[in-house]
Protein backbone atom coordinates (compact mmCIF):
# COMPACT_ATOMS: atom_id res chain seq x y z
CA MET A 1 -24.09 -7.40 8.69
CA THR A 2 -20.45 -6.81 8.43
CA GLY A 3 -19.22 -5.23 11.58
CA PHE A 4 -18.10 -2.18 9.67
CA ARG A 5 -19.80 1.32 9.04
CA PRO A 6 -19.43 3.83 6.09
CA SER A 7 -17.13 6.72 6.74
CA SER A 8 -20.47 9.11 6.68
CA TRP A 9 -22.29 7.20 9.30
CA ASN A 10 -24.15 9.05 11.83
CA ASN A 11 -24.66 6.84 14.92
CA SER A 12 -27.06 9.26 16.58
CA LYS A 13 -29.80 8.45 14.14
CA GLU A 14 -32.08 5.38 14.57
CA PRO A 15 -31.50 2.77 11.86
CA THR A 16 -34.29 3.11 9.12
CA VAL A 17 -34.54 -0.65 8.72
CA LYS A 18 -34.74 -3.45 11.53
CA LEU A 19 -32.60 -6.31 10.94
CA GLU A 20 -33.85 -9.58 11.93
CA ASN A 21 -31.88 -12.39 13.21
CA PRO A 22 -29.27 -13.65 11.69
CA ARG A 23 -27.91 -10.20 11.36
CA SER A 24 -24.51 -10.96 9.92
CA PHE A 25 -22.66 -13.52 7.70
CA ASN A 26 -22.04 -16.78 9.54
CA PHE A 27 -18.72 -18.29 9.48
CA LYS A 28 -18.74 -20.16 12.70
CA ARG A 29 -17.99 -23.47 10.56
CA LEU A 30 -14.47 -21.91 10.02
CA LEU A 31 -13.66 -22.28 13.99
CA ARG A 32 -14.45 -25.94 14.19
CA GLY A 33 -14.97 -29.35 12.37
CA LYS A 34 -14.13 -30.10 8.77
CA HIS A 35 -14.85 -28.34 5.64
CA LEU A 36 -16.13 -31.02 2.98
CA ILE A 37 -15.66 -30.39 -0.72
CA GLU A 38 -18.40 -32.71 -2.72
CA PHE A 39 -19.33 -33.39 -6.09
CA SER A 40 -22.33 -35.11 -6.91
CA GLY A 41 -22.84 -36.43 -3.31
CA VAL A 42 -19.15 -37.77 -3.33
CA ILE A 43 -16.78 -36.24 -0.99
CA LEU A 44 -13.71 -35.19 -2.86
CA ILE A 45 -11.43 -33.55 -0.01
CA SER A 46 -11.71 -32.67 3.38
CA ILE A 47 -9.88 -29.54 4.87
CA ALA A 48 -9.78 -28.89 8.63
CA GLU A 49 -11.50 -25.50 9.25
CA THR A 50 -8.63 -24.31 11.71
CA GLU A 51 -6.44 -24.67 8.44
CA LEU A 52 -8.70 -23.12 6.31
CA LEU A 53 -9.12 -19.68 8.66
CA PRO A 54 -5.49 -18.43 8.36
CA ILE A 55 -5.23 -18.88 4.72
CA LEU A 56 -8.72 -17.15 4.35
CA ALA A 57 -7.14 -14.72 6.70
CA ASP A 58 -4.09 -13.89 4.60
CA PHE A 59 -5.88 -13.80 1.35
CA VAL A 60 -8.63 -11.44 2.65
CA LEU A 61 -6.31 -8.97 4.57
CA GLU A 62 -3.72 -8.90 1.73
CA TYR A 63 -6.84 -8.18 -0.84
CA THR A 64 -8.40 -5.33 1.41
CA PHE A 65 -5.06 -3.71 2.18
CA ILE A 66 -3.08 -3.67 -1.03
CA GLY A 67 -5.83 -4.56 -3.48
CA LYS A 68 -4.18 -7.75 -4.86
CA ILE A 69 -6.03 -10.84 -5.45
CA ARG A 70 -4.19 -14.28 -5.24
CA GLY A 71 -5.07 -16.66 -7.83
CA LEU A 72 -6.75 -19.41 -5.96
CA SER A 73 -8.24 -22.45 -7.55
CA GLY A 74 -8.90 -26.04 -6.38
CA PRO A 75 -10.41 -26.95 -2.78
CA ILE A 76 -9.57 -23.68 -1.22
CA GLY A 77 -11.30 -21.33 -4.35
CA ASP A 78 -14.20 -23.97 -3.92
CA ALA A 79 -14.39 -23.14 -0.29
CA MET A 80 -14.51 -19.43 -0.87
CA VAL A 81 -17.25 -19.85 -2.84
CA GLU A 82 -19.22 -21.84 -0.51
CA PHE A 83 -18.55 -19.24 2.33
CA GLY A 84 -19.88 -16.48 0.12
CA VAL A 85 -16.16 -14.71 -0.44
CA SER A 86 -15.86 -15.43 -3.95
CA ARG A 87 -17.81 -16.60 -7.04
CA PHE A 88 -17.18 -18.35 -10.13
CA LYS A 89 -16.35 -16.98 -13.26
CA LYS A 90 -14.69 -18.50 -16.22
CA HIS A 91 -13.49 -21.62 -14.18
CA ALA A 92 -12.01 -19.73 -11.76
CA ALA A 93 -13.12 -18.30 -8.24
CA GLN A 94 -13.13 -14.46 -8.53
CA THR A 95 -13.19 -12.64 -5.12
CA ASP A 96 -14.52 -9.21 -4.76
CA GLU A 97 -17.71 -9.63 -2.39
CA PRO A 98 -17.47 -6.51 -0.48
CA LEU A 99 -20.02 -7.53 2.43
CA ALA A 100 -18.74 -10.99 2.77
CA ILE A 101 -15.30 -9.78 2.86
CA LEU A 102 -15.64 -7.00 5.45
CA ALA A 103 -17.37 -9.42 7.40
CA LEU A 104 -14.80 -12.11 7.64
CA VAL A 105 -12.37 -9.07 8.44
CA THR A 106 -14.69 -8.55 11.46
CA LEU A 107 -14.18 -12.44 12.21
CA PHE A 108 -10.50 -12.36 11.86
CA GLU A 109 -10.23 -9.32 14.54
CA GLN A 110 -12.35 -11.26 16.94
CA GLU A 111 -9.93 -14.28 16.53
CA GLU A 112 -6.98 -12.08 16.70
CA LEU A 113 -5.82 -12.66 13.30
CA THR A 114 -5.46 -8.81 12.68
CA LEU A 115 -3.95 -6.86 10.00
CA ALA A 116 -0.75 -5.95 12.03
CA LYS A 117 -0.29 -9.72 12.60
CA TYR A 118 -0.43 -10.54 9.05
CA LEU A 119 1.84 -7.82 7.93
CA THR A 120 4.42 -8.69 10.79
CA ARG A 121 4.26 -12.40 9.79
CA SER A 122 4.88 -11.63 6.01
CA LEU A 123 8.09 -10.38 7.09
CA ASN A 124 9.26 -13.34 8.67
CA THR A 125 10.95 -14.97 5.41
CA SER A 126 14.56 -15.90 4.63
CA ASP A 127 14.27 -14.60 1.06
CA ALA A 128 15.27 -10.76 1.06
CA ALA A 129 13.60 -9.89 -1.95
CA SER A 130 10.20 -11.11 -0.65
CA ARG A 131 10.93 -9.30 2.65
CA GLY A 132 11.52 -6.12 0.75
CA ILE A 133 8.33 -6.11 -0.78
CA ALA A 134 6.78 -6.92 2.65
CA PHE A 135 8.49 -4.13 4.06
CA GLU A 136 6.55 -1.98 1.70
CA ALA A 137 3.13 -3.02 2.90
CA PHE A 138 4.50 -2.92 6.57
CA GLY A 139 5.94 0.67 6.23
CA THR A 140 2.57 1.49 4.60
CA TYR A 141 0.80 0.46 7.47
CA LEU A 142 2.98 2.14 10.12
CA LEU A 143 2.31 5.56 7.99
CA ALA A 144 -1.27 4.80 7.97
CA ARG A 145 -1.31 4.26 11.89
CA ALA A 146 0.53 7.65 12.38
CA PHE A 147 -1.99 9.76 10.39
CA SER A 148 -5.00 7.80 11.55
CA GLY A 149 -5.60 11.19 13.43
CA PRO A 150 -4.68 14.62 12.78
CA ARG A 151 -0.84 14.75 13.67
CA ARG A 152 1.81 17.60 13.03
CA LEU A 153 3.98 16.43 9.79
CA SER A 154 6.90 17.04 11.44
CA ASP A 155 6.22 14.46 14.23
CA VAL A 156 6.59 11.72 11.32
CA PHE A 157 8.57 13.17 8.47
CA LYS A 158 12.10 14.78 9.02
CA PHE A 159 12.30 17.47 6.44
CA VAL A 160 15.81 17.79 4.43
CA GLY A 161 16.89 21.22 3.88
CA ARG A 162 17.66 23.64 6.76
CA GLY A 163 15.03 26.13 7.11
CA LYS A 164 13.04 25.04 4.09
CA HIS A 165 9.32 24.53 4.19
CA LYS A 166 8.93 25.45 7.90
CA LYS A 167 5.46 26.63 7.27
CA LEU A 168 4.64 22.85 5.78
CA GLN A 169 6.33 21.13 8.49
CA LYS A 170 4.14 22.79 11.05
CA GLU A 171 0.76 21.70 9.49
CA VAL A 172 -1.22 19.24 11.07
CA ALA A 173 -2.61 16.32 8.54
CA GLU A 174 -4.65 13.22 8.64
CA LEU A 175 -4.99 10.20 6.07
CA VAL A 176 -8.06 10.45 3.79
CA THR A 177 -9.55 8.40 1.06
CA LEU A 178 -10.79 10.47 -1.99
CA GLU A 179 -14.28 9.94 -3.55
CA LYS A 180 -14.93 11.49 -7.06
CA VAL A 181 -17.69 14.21 -6.83
CA GLY A 182 -18.49 15.83 -9.96
CA ASP A 183 -15.19 17.49 -11.30
CA GLY A 184 -13.55 17.43 -7.71
CA PHE A 185 -13.15 15.22 -4.94
CA GLN A 186 -14.59 14.68 -1.45
CA THR A 187 -12.01 13.76 1.38
CA ILE A 188 -12.95 11.29 3.84
CA PRO A 189 -10.70 10.66 6.70
CA ILE A 190 -9.70 7.30 7.57
CA GLN A 191 -8.44 5.27 10.83
CA ILE A 192 -6.89 2.25 9.75
CA GLU A 193 -7.98 0.40 12.79
CA THR A 194 -11.39 1.43 13.17
CA ASN A 195 -14.42 -0.19 11.55
CA PHE A 196 -15.50 2.85 9.52
CA ARG A 197 -14.48 2.66 5.86
CA SER A 198 -15.54 4.44 2.43
CA ASN A 199 -14.80 1.22 0.79
CA HIS A 200 -13.81 -2.39 1.40
CA ILE A 201 -10.51 -2.00 -0.27
CA LEU A 202 -8.11 0.39 1.26
CA GLY A 203 -5.23 0.10 -1.41
CA ARG A 204 -4.73 -0.82 -5.07
CA SER A 205 -2.03 -2.41 -7.00
CA PRO A 206 -2.20 -1.24 -10.75
CA THR A 207 -0.11 -3.80 -12.67
CA MET A 208 0.05 -1.26 -15.63
CA VAL A 209 0.82 2.40 -16.19
CA ARG A 210 -2.58 3.21 -17.70
CA ASP A 211 -3.99 1.76 -14.50
CA THR A 212 -1.99 3.84 -12.43
CA LEU A 213 -2.98 6.73 -14.31
CA GLU A 214 -6.74 5.72 -13.68
CA TRP A 215 -6.19 5.63 -9.79
CA LEU A 216 -4.76 9.18 -10.00
CA GLN A 217 -7.62 10.33 -11.80
CA ASN A 218 -10.09 8.54 -9.39
CA PRO A 219 -9.04 6.46 -6.58
CA LYS A 220 -12.74 5.29 -5.85
CA GLY A 221 -12.55 5.79 -2.03
CA SER A 222 -9.24 3.86 -1.68
CA ALA A 223 -6.43 5.34 0.37
CA PHE A 224 -3.30 3.94 -0.90
CA CYS A 225 -1.93 3.14 -4.48
CA PHE A 226 1.11 0.93 -5.04
CA PRO A 227 2.24 2.15 -8.61
CA ALA A 228 2.97 -0.23 -11.39
CA ASN A 229 6.59 -1.18 -11.59
CA ILE A 230 7.96 1.18 -14.07
CA VAL A 231 6.07 4.49 -12.69
CA GLY A 232 8.67 5.05 -9.92
CA PRO A 233 7.54 5.36 -6.47
CA ASP A 234 6.30 2.23 -4.31
CA LEU A 235 3.36 4.09 -2.70
CA ILE A 236 1.04 7.19 -3.24
CA PHE A 237 -1.14 8.40 -0.95
CA VAL A 238 -2.85 11.65 0.25
CA LEU A 239 -2.98 13.71 3.45
CA ARG A 240 -5.49 16.38 4.04
CA LEU A 241 -4.10 19.56 5.87
CA ILE A 242 -6.39 20.48 8.75
CA SER A 243 -5.56 24.38 8.66
CA ASP A 244 -7.05 24.86 5.10
CA ASP A 245 -8.55 21.80 4.12
CA THR A 246 -6.27 21.02 1.27
CA VAL A 247 -4.23 18.27 0.22
CA LEU A 248 -0.82 16.91 0.21
CA ARG A 249 0.05 14.12 -2.05
CA VAL A 250 2.90 11.97 -0.78
CA CYS A 251 5.14 9.70 -2.97
CA VAL A 252 7.17 6.98 -1.06
CA GLN A 253 10.11 4.95 -1.92
CA PHE A 254 11.05 2.06 0.63
CA LYS A 255 14.29 0.51 1.02
CA HIS A 256 15.18 -2.31 3.43
CA THR A 257 19.00 -2.56 3.33
CA LYS A 258 21.89 -2.70 5.40
CA ALA A 259 23.83 0.02 3.56
CA LEU A 260 22.47 2.49 0.93
CA SER A 261 25.06 4.20 -1.00
CA PRO A 262 25.19 7.70 -2.39
CA GLN A 263 24.35 6.53 -6.03
CA ASP A 264 21.56 4.34 -4.79
CA SER A 265 20.06 7.08 -2.53
CA GLU A 266 19.98 9.32 -5.63
CA LYS A 267 18.00 6.76 -7.14
CA ALA A 268 15.62 6.14 -4.71
CA ILE A 269 14.83 9.65 -4.18
CA ARG A 270 14.36 10.40 -7.79
CA THR A 271 11.74 7.67 -8.23
CA THR A 272 9.43 10.03 -5.99
CA ASP A 273 9.66 12.78 -8.42
CA PRO A 274 7.12 13.32 -11.14
CA SER A 275 9.50 14.89 -13.37
CA PHE A 276 11.58 11.40 -13.49
CA PHE A 277 8.53 8.97 -13.46
CA LEU A 278 8.67 6.35 -16.30
CA SER A 279 12.52 7.24 -16.76
CA GLN A 280 15.37 4.58 -17.54
CA LYS A 281 19.07 4.94 -17.16
CA THR A 282 21.09 3.69 -20.17
CA LYS A 283 25.10 3.36 -20.44
CA ASP A 284 25.48 5.85 -23.42
CA LYS A 285 23.53 8.52 -21.27
CA ASN A 286 24.36 10.13 -18.00
CA SER A 287 21.03 11.30 -17.01
CA PRO A 288 17.70 9.16 -17.04
CA THR A 289 15.43 9.12 -20.31
CA CYS A 290 11.59 8.83 -19.88
CA SER A 291 10.10 6.16 -21.91
CA ASP A 292 6.99 7.93 -22.46
CA PRO A 293 6.96 11.69 -22.02
CA LEU A 294 2.91 11.99 -23.14
CA MET A 295 1.95 9.42 -20.27
CA ARG A 296 4.38 11.12 -17.80
CA ASP A 297 2.68 14.52 -18.50
CA GLU A 298 -0.88 12.65 -17.93
CA ILE A 299 0.33 11.41 -14.65
CA GLU A 300 1.84 14.73 -13.45
CA LYS A 301 -1.52 16.58 -14.43
CA ALA A 302 -3.57 13.99 -12.64
CA ILE A 303 -1.45 14.21 -9.46
CA LYS A 304 -2.21 17.90 -9.61
CA ASN A 305 -5.76 17.62 -9.86
CA LEU A 306 -6.02 15.17 -7.17
CA GLY A 307 -7.85 17.06 -4.79
CA ILE A 308 -7.32 20.82 -4.09
CA GLY A 309 -3.71 20.72 -3.56
CA THR A 310 -1.62 22.93 -0.85
CA GLU A 311 0.67 25.47 -2.56
CA ARG A 312 3.33 24.83 0.04
CA ALA A 313 4.76 21.91 -1.59
CA GLY A 314 5.90 22.73 -4.93
CA PRO A 315 3.90 22.81 -8.21
CA CYS A 316 2.34 19.21 -7.67
CA GLY A 317 1.77 20.11 -4.14
CA LEU A 318 3.67 16.81 -3.47
CA LEU A 319 6.15 15.66 -0.67
CA ARG A 320 8.89 13.20 -1.72
CA VAL A 321 9.52 10.75 1.03
CA LEU A 322 12.25 8.17 1.35
CA VAL A 323 11.80 5.39 3.96
CA SER A 324 15.28 3.54 4.54
CA HIS A 325 15.45 0.82 7.17
CA PRO A 326 17.87 0.14 9.20
CA SER A 327 20.46 2.23 7.05
CA PRO A 328 19.91 5.96 6.64
CA PRO A 329 20.16 7.52 3.06
CA ASP A 330 23.41 9.37 2.24
CA SER A 331 23.32 12.63 3.79
CA ASN A 332 24.98 14.64 0.73
CA ALA A 333 22.35 13.05 -1.72
CA LEU A 334 19.63 14.15 0.44
CA LYS A 335 21.09 17.65 0.57
CA LYS A 336 21.38 17.49 -3.24
CA ALA A 337 17.92 16.36 -3.68
CA ALA A 338 16.31 18.81 -1.35
CA LYS A 339 17.03 21.54 -3.93
CA GLY A 340 14.32 20.10 -6.39
CA ARG A 341 10.97 21.32 -7.12
CA HIS A 342 9.18 19.31 -4.35
CA PRO A 343 9.97 19.14 -0.53
CA LEU A 344 11.71 16.07 0.57
CA ALA A 345 11.70 14.16 3.94
CA ILE A 346 12.65 10.92 5.30
CA VAL A 347 11.06 8.67 7.91
CA PRO A 348 12.84 7.15 11.15
CA VAL A 349 10.85 4.09 11.05
CA GLY A 350 12.05 3.29 14.52
CA SER A 351 10.56 6.15 16.15
CA LEU A 352 6.98 5.25 14.60
CA GLU A 353 5.66 2.81 16.93
CA SER A 354 7.36 3.17 20.50
CA SER A 355 3.97 2.94 21.90
CA ASP A 356 3.30 -0.51 20.66
CA PRO A 357 6.05 -3.13 21.88
CA ALA A 358 4.75 -5.93 19.28
CA LEU A 359 5.25 -3.68 16.40
CA SER A 360 8.61 -2.32 17.90
CA GLN A 361 9.99 -5.49 18.18
CA SER A 362 9.09 -6.06 14.49
CA VAL A 363 11.01 -2.93 13.34
CA LEU A 364 13.97 -4.22 15.34
CA SER A 365 13.79 -7.63 13.99
CA LEU A 366 13.83 -5.98 10.28
CA ALA A 367 17.22 -4.18 11.46
CA ASN A 368 18.43 -7.28 12.19
CA LEU A 369 17.52 -9.17 9.07
CA ALA A 370 19.18 -6.52 7.04
CA LEU A 371 22.34 -6.80 9.03
CA GLN A 372 22.62 -10.46 8.68
CA ARG A 373 21.96 -10.92 4.95
CA PRO A 374 22.97 -8.98 1.74
CA ASP A 375 20.50 -6.63 0.09
CA LEU A 376 19.14 -9.16 -2.65
CA LYS A 377 16.37 -6.94 -3.94
CA ARG A 378 15.28 -7.77 -7.40
CA LYS A 379 16.43 -5.43 -10.00
CA SER A 380 14.55 -4.71 -13.12
CA SER A 381 16.14 -4.24 -16.54
CA ASP A 382 15.86 -0.56 -16.10
CA GLU A 383 18.20 -0.63 -13.14
CA ILE A 384 21.01 -2.25 -15.02
CA ASP A 385 23.20 0.21 -16.97
CA GLY A 386 22.58 -0.35 -20.78
CA ALA A 387 19.81 -2.76 -20.49
CA ARG A 388 16.65 -2.26 -22.73
CA PRO A 389 13.48 -1.12 -20.97
CA LYS A 390 11.60 -4.29 -19.84
CA ARG A 391 8.03 -4.89 -21.40
CA GLN A 392 5.17 -4.96 -18.72
CA LYS A 393 3.53 -8.17 -18.04
CA ARG A 394 -0.12 -7.68 -18.22
CA GLY A 395 -1.96 -9.25 -15.40
CA ALA A 396 1.21 -10.10 -13.28
CA ASP A 397 0.36 -11.45 -9.77
CA THR A 398 2.02 -9.04 -7.41
CA GLY A 399 0.46 -9.88 -4.05
CA ILE A 400 2.70 -10.23 -0.95
CA GLY A 401 2.07 -13.78 0.00
CA GLY A 402 1.51 -14.77 -3.86
CA PRO A 403 3.78 -15.33 -6.91
CA LYS A 404 6.92 -13.17 -6.71
CA ARG A 405 6.44 -9.64 -8.47
CA GLN A 406 9.10 -7.68 -9.94
CA ARG A 407 10.66 -4.86 -8.15
CA ARG A 408 8.83 -1.47 -8.39
CA GLY A 409 10.37 1.71 -9.69
CA ALA A 410 12.43 2.39 -12.74
CA GLU A 411 15.79 2.95 -10.75
CA ARG A 412 15.79 0.80 -7.70
CA GLY A 413 19.01 -0.64 -6.42
């Protein structure tokens, strides 16, 4: 019905149920004619289907990749209900119909409205702050592509610290989703550009610290977590090491800037260390202070229990990663941070997509944009010396294409 298959699909077996025509959702009306919104037989508004198609594509691709739902109402919301993607709940269109959503993803791919094109298009904005947010999703996609099949860690990550973690660097790993099974987890490989998935949602974007903890305790088949602002990293995901079937948890901080100072480099690296999650820095204290030590302990415990972790990556079986483009982080800050409990690596973004001309051009464009405009990424109150910790807003919209969201991370520059 959707063009997708469960990750555990065995293609050698004959289907137990014979599907009669029509075998899938029919979205042909999206490709031609007009879409009419009617009420009691009166046409209220007419939308060209060709205009509705890219709107739906952006909405659905954003939702399936980062797990954020744009608040749509009015004619567009009505149209999504009519096409079976959404349903009305409390006077609003609520979107979470897995089969219809996956069927739309298949349609978009046929119409060449792919995830890669959506993410690339999101980068084309004159607003540096919005582009910084889009860079997180774009960078996540590049990492997902890199590990969509078994690949040596050192092919993607440039480890910091001479002679350290040699065994880990040589490990071959692949991107996985995690499903809770009893008291443990089942790891399921995921290839970002195939039609095999364990869940219709690839990523989640918790808006609250408690929601981030819940994802760490049970990802429910999703591969990526874009944590609540105050937690620390921009991204958390898991790789399975092929040699012994253990997992490597990865915490990533993204920086799209033309210059990353030693101080900003230290801050960025610190947000990837569980020891500094939920931390703020004030004028009267030289070191960051945790706003909720008990919650931080709960989060660190959940990370340690997220699958069977490798013993080659510190007490949490975790790799800290800084992705800074086009400016590299300060080398002295890296050397200093490499002495921490967990291994540290950077990712040369420009080398990730040399085999894909279109994506390579997007990376080059990102470099040019950063050099042309100052780094205007938004700062939370936690980044300003002496500021009070900012209260979290419940239910804030953090989608790429929706209203602007606060910059993640307790100490971002």
